[in-house]
Amino acid sequence: MASGSVERESPVARPGGVSVGDLVAAVPRRLVEEAVDACGLDGPVPDGELPLHLTAYVVMALCLLPGEPVEDVAQTVVAELSRPDGVRGVAPGPLTASGIGRARRRLGPDVLRETFSLLATASSDWVVLGDRSRYAFATFGAAARIGVAQCWRVPPQVPLPVLEVLRDGSYLSVLIDPDLTACERAKCLLEAWSGVKPDPDAAHTVRVVEDGDADRLVTTLRDPEEVTAAELADAHRQWRRQSATDGGPCSALRGPGGVRSTDPDLVHQEIWAHLLVEYAVNSTTWA
């Protein structure tokens, strides 16, 4: 795509065919607007500014298309939402990086978090799958705090001490924020050993499935009666094979730099956007 240009009939897509249109289909505007209302942000839109539902899709599209300039991504979103079969929105003024930044600050970190929570509530059997190239404690913790089921293949350097071995060979462990001090991490480990429920901002009790010599899966699904270690390992391998074949979920969030923002609120905003994009890419790939 040439800089500044948008082809309305062919929205920009990631390799593997996941487009902004797929994103809009997977994350319905109805849920985004419910999230805006729940966060008390349903007031009038300043003249010439992006409406909040459009801003939400722009942030998600920035995660879907990490190599694209901000203005081009925003233009693509506006074009897609203006299509006859798309989700109509209020046409904003000229789209500039500064204007998009203002809109993102108005949106804040909570709307996309609430949107993700609404999606999770609507999909009770939904399990987030993630790979080690995109694993981060903050991302895992953000979803865990709202009760979303997850299963991630984690990097080999992530410490996972054995707390209790389960009957299917998996074991319970504690996932601790690596940014804590050594003393804070030691305290979390001692609490886990003693059976104290960890502070969710600092640590999470998880189940670990060892799949081969190097691969370890970390999941919030802790009951082997609900899903066995073998079933989790098989499902995750199948997901990775599909991803390697068609550029699907595993590659969807791989972008230079991970997040674009430095402001803490906008970083949290992008974390939730990444999780929503992961959902959208999985929905498109496995549809």
Protein backbone atom coordinates (compact mmCIF):
# COMPACT_ATOMS: atom_id res chain seq x y z
CA MET A 1 0.00 0.00 0.00
CA ALA A 2 1.38 3.40 -0.92
CA SER A 3 1.76 5.83 1.97
CA GLY A 4 -1.49 7.66 2.65
CA SER A 5 -3.58 5.58 0.26
CA VAL A 6 -6.53 3.36 1.07
CA GLU A 7 -8.31 0.91 -1.21
CA ARG A 8 -11.86 0.81 0.09
CA GLU A 9 -12.67 -2.42 -1.73
CA SER A 10 -9.54 -4.20 -0.45
CA PRO A 11 -8.85 -3.39 3.23
CA VAL A 12 -5.30 -3.87 4.41
CA ALA A 13 -4.80 -7.38 5.74
CA ARG A 14 -2.07 -9.27 7.54
CA PRO A 15 -0.30 -12.10 5.74
CA GLY A 16 -2.68 -15.01 6.14
CA GLY A 17 -5.68 -12.93 5.06
CA VAL A 18 -6.90 -11.45 8.36
CA SER A 19 -8.26 -8.01 7.52
CA VAL A 20 -9.72 -5.06 9.36
CA GLY A 21 -13.10 -6.31 8.13
CA ASP A 22 -12.49 -9.63 9.88
CA LEU A 23 -11.63 -7.71 13.05
CA VAL A 24 -14.91 -5.78 12.89
CA ALA A 25 -16.85 -9.00 12.31
CA ALA A 26 -15.21 -10.81 15.23
CA VAL A 27 -15.53 -7.94 17.73
CA PRO A 28 -19.06 -6.54 17.19
CA ARG A 29 -19.71 -2.82 17.54
CA ARG A 30 -22.55 -3.65 19.95
CA LEU A 31 -20.05 -4.96 22.51
CA VAL A 32 -17.71 -2.00 22.01
CA GLU A 33 -20.58 0.43 22.61
CA GLU A 34 -21.71 -1.52 25.70
CA ALA A 35 -18.16 -1.22 27.00
CA VAL A 36 -18.12 2.53 26.32
CA ASP A 37 -21.39 2.91 28.24
CA ALA A 38 -20.14 0.75 31.11
CA CYS A 39 -17.09 2.99 31.45
CA GLY A 40 -19.24 6.14 31.55
CA LEU A 41 -17.75 7.55 28.33
CA ASP A 42 -20.91 7.87 26.25
CA GLY A 43 -20.90 11.68 26.13
CA PRO A 44 -20.84 13.87 22.99
CA VAL A 45 -17.90 13.57 20.60
CA PRO A 46 -15.83 16.77 20.18
CA ASP A 47 -16.14 18.30 16.71
CA GLY A 48 -13.82 16.69 14.18
CA GLU A 49 -12.65 13.99 16.60
CA LEU A 50 -12.85 10.21 16.25
CA PRO A 51 -15.87 8.65 17.98
CA LEU A 52 -14.84 6.23 20.71
CA HIS A 53 -16.09 3.10 18.95
CA LEU A 54 -13.99 4.03 15.91
CA THR A 55 -11.01 4.75 18.15
CA ALA A 56 -11.36 1.31 19.72
CA TYR A 57 -11.16 -0.34 16.30
CA VAL A 58 -8.21 1.87 15.33
CA VAL A 59 -6.26 0.68 18.38
CA MET A 60 -7.05 -2.94 17.56
CA ALA A 61 -6.05 -2.38 13.94
CA LEU A 62 -2.75 -0.83 15.05
CA CYS A 63 -2.00 -4.16 16.77
CA LEU A 64 -3.19 -6.17 13.77
CA LEU A 65 -1.02 -4.11 11.38
CA PRO A 66 2.09 -3.17 13.41
CA GLY A 67 4.17 -2.13 10.41
CA GLU A 68 1.68 0.39 9.03
CA PRO A 69 1.74 4.15 9.72
CA VAL A 70 -0.86 5.28 12.28
CA GLU A 71 -2.70 7.55 9.84
CA ASP A 72 -2.95 4.81 7.17
CA VAL A 73 -4.37 2.34 9.70
CA ALA A 74 -6.97 4.86 10.87
CA GLN A 75 -7.99 5.64 7.29
CA THR A 76 -8.38 1.92 6.61
CA VAL A 77 -10.63 1.49 9.65
CA VAL A 78 -12.82 4.45 8.68
CA ALA A 79 -13.07 3.14 5.11
CA GLU A 80 -14.01 -0.35 6.29
CA LEU A 81 -16.65 0.91 8.72
CA SER A 82 -18.15 3.06 5.96
CA ARG A 83 -18.63 0.12 3.57
CA PRO A 84 -22.25 -0.80 2.78
CA ASP A 85 -21.78 -4.13 4.57
CA GLY A 86 -19.72 -2.63 7.38
CA VAL A 87 -20.46 -0.90 10.66
CA ARG A 88 -21.34 2.71 10.05
CA GLY A 89 -19.76 5.39 12.19
CA VAL A 90 -19.61 9.17 12.38
CA ALA A 91 -17.14 10.52 9.82
CA PRO A 92 -14.30 12.29 11.65
CA GLY A 93 -12.23 15.21 10.44
CA PRO A 94 -8.74 14.82 8.90
CA LEU A 95 -6.93 11.90 10.52
CA THR A 96 -3.57 12.90 11.95
CA ALA A 97 -1.24 11.18 14.39
CA SER A 98 -1.89 13.89 16.98
CA GLY A 99 -5.67 13.60 16.57
CA ILE A 100 -5.52 9.83 16.90
CA GLY A 101 -3.40 10.26 20.02
CA ARG A 102 -6.02 12.57 21.55
CA ALA A 103 -8.75 10.07 20.73
CA ARG A 104 -6.77 7.24 22.32
CA ARG A 105 -6.32 9.23 25.50
CA ARG A 106 -10.08 9.91 25.60
CA LEU A 107 -10.70 6.19 25.14
CA GLY A 108 -8.36 5.25 28.00
CA PRO A 109 -7.41 1.69 29.03
CA ASP A 110 -10.77 0.48 30.36
CA VAL A 111 -13.02 0.31 27.28
CA LEU A 112 -11.02 -2.41 25.54
CA ARG A 113 -10.65 -4.29 28.82
CA GLU A 114 -14.43 -4.22 29.24
CA THR A 115 -14.93 -5.25 25.59
CA PHE A 116 -12.66 -8.24 26.13
CA SER A 117 -14.55 -9.14 29.30
CA LEU A 118 -17.89 -8.97 27.45
CA LEU A 119 -16.53 -11.24 24.70
CA ALA A 120 -15.29 -13.71 27.28
CA THR A 121 -18.67 -13.69 29.03
CA ALA A 122 -20.46 -14.30 25.73
CA SER A 123 -18.12 -17.23 24.93
CA SER A 124 -18.14 -19.41 28.05
CA ASP A 125 -16.15 -22.19 26.35
CA TRP A 126 -13.50 -19.81 24.98
CA VAL A 127 -9.85 -20.53 25.81
CA VAL A 128 -7.12 -18.04 24.84
CA LEU A 129 -4.13 -19.79 23.27
CA GLY A 130 -0.79 -18.01 23.10
CA ASP A 131 2.78 -18.74 22.10
CA ARG A 132 6.08 -17.92 23.75
CA SER A 133 7.08 -15.30 21.17
CA ARG A 134 4.25 -13.08 22.47
CA TYR A 135 4.06 -14.22 26.09
CA ALA A 136 4.17 -11.47 28.73
CA PHE A 137 3.20 -11.67 32.38
CA ALA A 138 1.16 -8.47 32.02
CA THR A 139 -0.92 -9.94 29.18
CA PHE A 140 -1.48 -13.24 30.98
CA GLY A 141 -2.35 -11.46 34.22
CA ALA A 142 -4.76 -9.01 32.59
CA ALA A 143 -6.87 -11.85 31.18
CA ALA A 144 -6.54 -13.99 34.32
CA ARG A 145 -7.88 -11.22 36.54
CA ILE A 146 -11.20 -11.25 34.70
CA GLY A 147 -11.42 -15.03 34.73
CA VAL A 148 -10.56 -15.81 31.09
CA ALA A 149 -9.29 -19.37 30.51
CA GLN A 150 -5.83 -19.41 28.92
CA CYS A 151 -3.13 -21.79 27.73
CA TRP A 152 0.28 -20.38 26.74
CA ARG A 153 3.53 -21.98 25.66
CA VAL A 154 6.04 -20.00 27.73
CA PRO A 155 9.73 -19.25 27.14
CA PRO A 156 12.19 -21.66 28.77
CA GLN A 157 13.57 -18.98 31.12
CA VAL A 158 10.23 -18.48 32.92
CA PRO A 159 10.59 -20.02 36.43
CA LEU A 160 7.85 -22.56 37.20
CA PRO A 161 8.50 -24.24 40.58
CA VAL A 162 6.59 -27.45 41.31
CA LEU A 163 3.97 -26.95 44.02
CA GLU A 164 1.92 -30.12 43.53
CA VAL A 165 2.13 -32.96 41.00
CA LEU A 166 -1.27 -33.90 39.57
CA ARG A 167 -2.45 -37.36 38.57
CA ASP A 168 -1.99 -36.82 34.81
CA GLY A 169 1.65 -35.74 35.17
CA SER A 170 0.99 -32.00 35.00
CA TYR A 171 1.73 -29.91 38.08
CA LEU A 172 0.60 -26.80 39.88
CA SER A 173 3.02 -23.88 39.97
CA VAL A 174 3.08 -20.14 40.55
CA LEU A 175 3.70 -17.61 37.79
CA ILE A 176 5.38 -14.53 39.31
CA ASP A 177 5.82 -11.06 37.85
CA PRO A 178 9.48 -10.91 36.74
CA ASP A 179 9.59 -7.16 37.42
CA LEU A 180 9.25 -7.70 41.18
CA THR A 181 12.35 -7.50 43.35
CA ALA A 182 14.06 -10.71 44.45
CA CYS A 183 12.58 -10.32 47.95
CA GLU A 184 9.07 -9.78 46.55
CA ARG A 185 9.38 -12.84 44.31
CA ALA A 186 10.59 -14.94 47.23
CA LYS A 187 7.60 -13.78 49.30
CA CYS A 188 5.20 -14.78 46.49
CA LEU A 189 6.82 -18.21 46.29
CA LEU A 190 6.59 -18.76 50.05
CA GLU A 191 2.92 -17.75 50.02
CA ALA A 192 2.28 -20.17 47.17
CA TRP A 193 3.99 -22.99 49.05
CA SER A 194 1.83 -22.27 52.09
CA GLY A 195 -1.40 -22.28 50.05
CA VAL A 196 -2.11 -18.55 50.31
CA LYS A 197 -3.94 -17.17 47.28
CA PRO A 198 -1.49 -14.82 45.54
CA ASP A 199 -2.04 -11.13 44.89
CA PRO A 200 -3.20 -11.15 41.23
CA ASP A 201 -1.07 -8.10 40.48
CA ALA A 202 2.03 -10.07 41.50
CA ALA A 203 1.46 -13.76 40.82
CA HIS A 204 -0.98 -16.43 39.60
CA THR A 205 -1.37 -20.08 40.52
CA VAL A 206 -1.22 -22.07 37.28
CA ARG A 207 -1.03 -25.59 35.97
CA VAL A 208 2.00 -26.61 33.92
CA VAL A 209 1.96 -29.22 31.16
CA GLU A 210 5.37 -30.37 29.93
CA ASP A 211 5.13 -31.22 26.23
CA GLY A 212 8.46 -32.71 25.22
CA ASP A 213 11.91 -31.77 26.50
CA ALA A 214 11.64 -27.99 26.10
CA ASP A 215 7.99 -27.02 25.66
CA ARG A 216 5.96 -26.04 28.72
CA LEU A 217 2.34 -24.99 28.61
CA VAL A 218 0.96 -22.75 31.35
CA THR A 219 -2.80 -22.79 31.81
CA THR A 220 -5.48 -21.47 34.12
CA LEU A 221 -7.39 -24.75 33.58
CA ARG A 222 -6.12 -26.42 36.73
CA ASP A 223 -8.43 -29.44 37.02
CA PRO A 224 -7.27 -32.57 35.12
CA GLU A 225 -10.88 -33.81 35.28
CA GLU A 226 -11.89 -30.84 33.13
CA VAL A 227 -9.15 -31.28 30.52
CA THR A 228 -6.18 -33.62 30.63
CA ALA A 229 -2.55 -32.71 30.01
CA ALA A 230 -2.56 -34.75 26.81
CA GLU A 231 -5.64 -32.95 25.51
CA LEU A 232 -4.11 -29.55 26.20
CA ALA A 233 -0.82 -30.48 24.56
CA ASP A 234 -2.56 -31.92 21.48
CA ALA A 235 -4.80 -28.86 21.08
CA HIS A 236 -1.88 -26.44 21.39
CA ARG A 237 0.25 -28.39 18.88
CA GLN A 238 -2.64 -28.42 16.41
CA TRP A 239 -3.06 -24.66 16.86
CA ARG A 240 0.65 -24.05 16.25
CA ARG A 241 0.67 -26.25 13.13
CA GLN A 242 -2.27 -24.34 11.71
CA SER A 243 -0.54 -21.05 12.53
CA ALA A 244 2.68 -22.09 10.81
CA THR A 245 0.75 -23.17 7.72
CA ASP A 246 -1.37 -20.09 7.14
CA GLY A 247 0.14 -17.25 9.14
CA GLY A 248 -2.71 -17.47 11.61
CA PRO A 249 -2.93 -16.78 15.35
CA CYS A 250 0.71 -17.27 16.33
CA SER A 251 1.89 -14.69 13.82
CA ALA A 252 -0.98 -12.25 14.24
CA LEU A 253 0.59 -10.30 17.10
CA ARG A 254 4.22 -10.47 16.03
CA GLY A 255 5.16 -6.92 15.30
CA PRO A 256 8.25 -4.79 15.74
CA GLY A 257 8.47 -3.36 19.23
CA GLY A 258 5.43 -5.14 20.66
CA VAL A 259 3.52 -1.97 21.64
CA ARG A 260 3.70 1.48 20.10
CA SER A 261 2.95 3.52 23.22
CA THR A 262 5.07 4.64 26.16
CA ASP A 263 2.26 6.18 28.24
CA PRO A 264 1.23 3.58 30.87
CA ASP A 265 -2.52 3.95 30.22
CA LEU A 266 -2.01 3.53 26.48
CA VAL A 267 0.27 0.54 27.01
CA HIS A 268 -2.53 -1.13 29.01
CA GLN A 269 -4.93 -0.13 26.26
CA GLU A 270 -2.74 -1.93 23.71
CA ILE A 271 -2.47 -5.05 25.88
CA TRP A 272 -6.25 -5.44 25.74
CA ALA A 273 -6.24 -4.61 22.02
CA HIS A 274 -3.68 -7.39 21.45
CA LEU A 275 -5.91 -9.88 23.26
CA LEU A 276 -8.92 -8.81 21.18
CA VAL A 277 -6.89 -9.19 17.99
CA GLU A 278 -5.77 -12.66 19.12
CA TYR A 279 -9.45 -13.56 19.50
CA ALA A 280 -10.31 -12.11 16.09
CA VAL A 281 -7.47 -13.91 14.33
CA ASN A 282 -8.39 -17.21 15.95
CA SER A 283 -12.04 -16.70 15.00
CA THR A 284 -11.08 -16.05 11.37
CA THR A 285 -8.56 -18.88 11.15
CA TRP A 286 -10.78 -21.54 12.70
CA ALA A 287 -14.09 -20.41 11.21
